[in-house]
Amino acid sequence: KMLIPLDMLQPGEKAEVVEVSGDAAWVCRLAEMGLREGCQLTVLQPGSPCLLKVADCRLCLRGGEATQILVTPVTA
């Protein structure tokens, strides 16, 4: 499987989260919002802010936060 940083995905692309790194409190906060290892997401808007669809929620990441999330693209 190809691992890439989340910020490399284009609008509409789907991916599975493989790893979330960074400050433990931030990683925990993302997990509470549903963005954790194994979850699937869709990129709504790349860049900063980065808008994601995770389950039935929309999340917004700012700055370089998306570089700390490694994903593998999902096709289909």
Protein backbone atom coordinates (compact mmCIF):
# COMPACT_ATOMS: atom_id res chain seq x y z
CA LYS A 1 0.00 0.00 0.00
CA MET A 2 1.20 3.48 -0.82
CA LEU A 3 1.45 5.83 2.17
CA ILE A 4 1.16 9.55 1.52
CA PRO A 5 0.51 12.63 3.67
CA LEU A 6 -3.14 13.66 3.70
CA ASP A 7 -2.26 17.04 2.16
CA MET A 8 -1.24 15.30 -1.10
CA LEU A 9 -4.84 14.27 -1.89
CA GLN A 10 -7.04 16.15 -4.35
CA PRO A 11 -10.70 17.19 -3.90
CA GLY A 12 -13.03 14.19 -3.96
CA GLU A 13 -10.29 11.64 -3.28
CA LYS A 14 -10.97 9.00 -0.64
CA ALA A 15 -8.38 7.50 1.68
CA GLU A 16 -7.91 5.32 4.74
CA VAL A 17 -6.00 6.76 7.69
CA VAL A 18 -2.91 4.67 8.50
CA GLU A 19 -1.14 6.87 11.06
CA VAL A 20 -1.75 10.10 12.96
CA SER A 21 1.37 11.62 14.49
CA GLY A 22 2.06 14.71 16.55
CA ASP A 23 1.23 15.98 20.00
CA ALA A 24 -0.60 13.30 22.02
CA ALA A 25 -3.42 15.67 22.98
CA TRP A 26 -3.96 16.61 19.32
CA VAL A 27 -3.95 12.96 18.21
CA CYS A 28 -6.47 12.16 20.97
CA ARG A 29 -8.67 15.11 19.97
CA LEU A 30 -8.73 13.96 16.34
CA ALA A 31 -9.63 10.43 17.47
CA GLU A 32 -12.53 11.84 19.50
CA MET A 33 -13.78 13.52 16.31
CA GLY A 34 -13.55 10.24 14.38
CA LEU A 35 -10.23 10.80 12.58
CA ARG A 36 -8.19 7.80 13.70
CA GLU A 37 -6.24 4.88 12.31
CA GLY A 38 -8.45 2.74 10.08
CA CYS A 39 -11.12 5.34 9.36
CA GLN A 40 -12.02 6.41 5.83
CA LEU A 41 -12.27 10.01 4.75
CA THR A 42 -12.96 12.13 1.70
CA VAL A 43 -11.09 15.33 0.90
CA LEU A 44 -13.60 18.12 0.28
CA GLN A 45 -11.04 20.93 0.00
CA PRO A 46 -7.27 20.51 0.14
CA GLY A 47 -4.88 23.17 1.40
CA SER A 48 -5.24 25.37 4.45
CA PRO A 49 -7.84 25.10 5.71
CA CYS A 50 -8.23 21.46 4.68
CA LEU A 51 -11.85 20.26 4.75
CA LEU A 52 -12.53 16.56 5.26
CA LYS A 53 -15.60 14.37 5.39
CA VAL A 54 -15.20 11.69 8.07
CA ALA A 55 -18.26 9.46 8.60
CA ASP A 56 -21.15 11.97 8.56
CA CYS A 57 -19.04 14.86 9.87
CA ARG A 58 -16.95 17.58 8.31
CA LEU A 59 -13.60 18.42 9.86
CA CYS A 60 -11.36 21.39 9.19
CA LEU A 61 -7.56 21.18 9.63
CA ARG A 62 -5.38 24.30 9.57
CA GLY A 63 -1.75 25.02 8.87
CA GLY A 64 0.46 21.97 8.45
CA GLU A 65 -1.78 19.62 10.43
CA ALA A 66 -2.65 17.51 7.37
CA THR A 67 1.04 16.62 6.88
CA GLN A 68 0.96 14.69 10.18
CA ILE A 69 -1.74 12.32 8.93
CA LEU A 70 -0.56 9.46 6.70
CA VAL A 71 -3.15 7.82 4.48
CA THR A 72 -3.43 5.23 1.76
CA PRO A 73 -5.68 6.18 -1.19
CA VAL A 74 -8.88 4.15 -1.63
CA THR A 75 -10.09 3.45 -5.13
CA ALA A 76 -13.71 2.65 -6.02
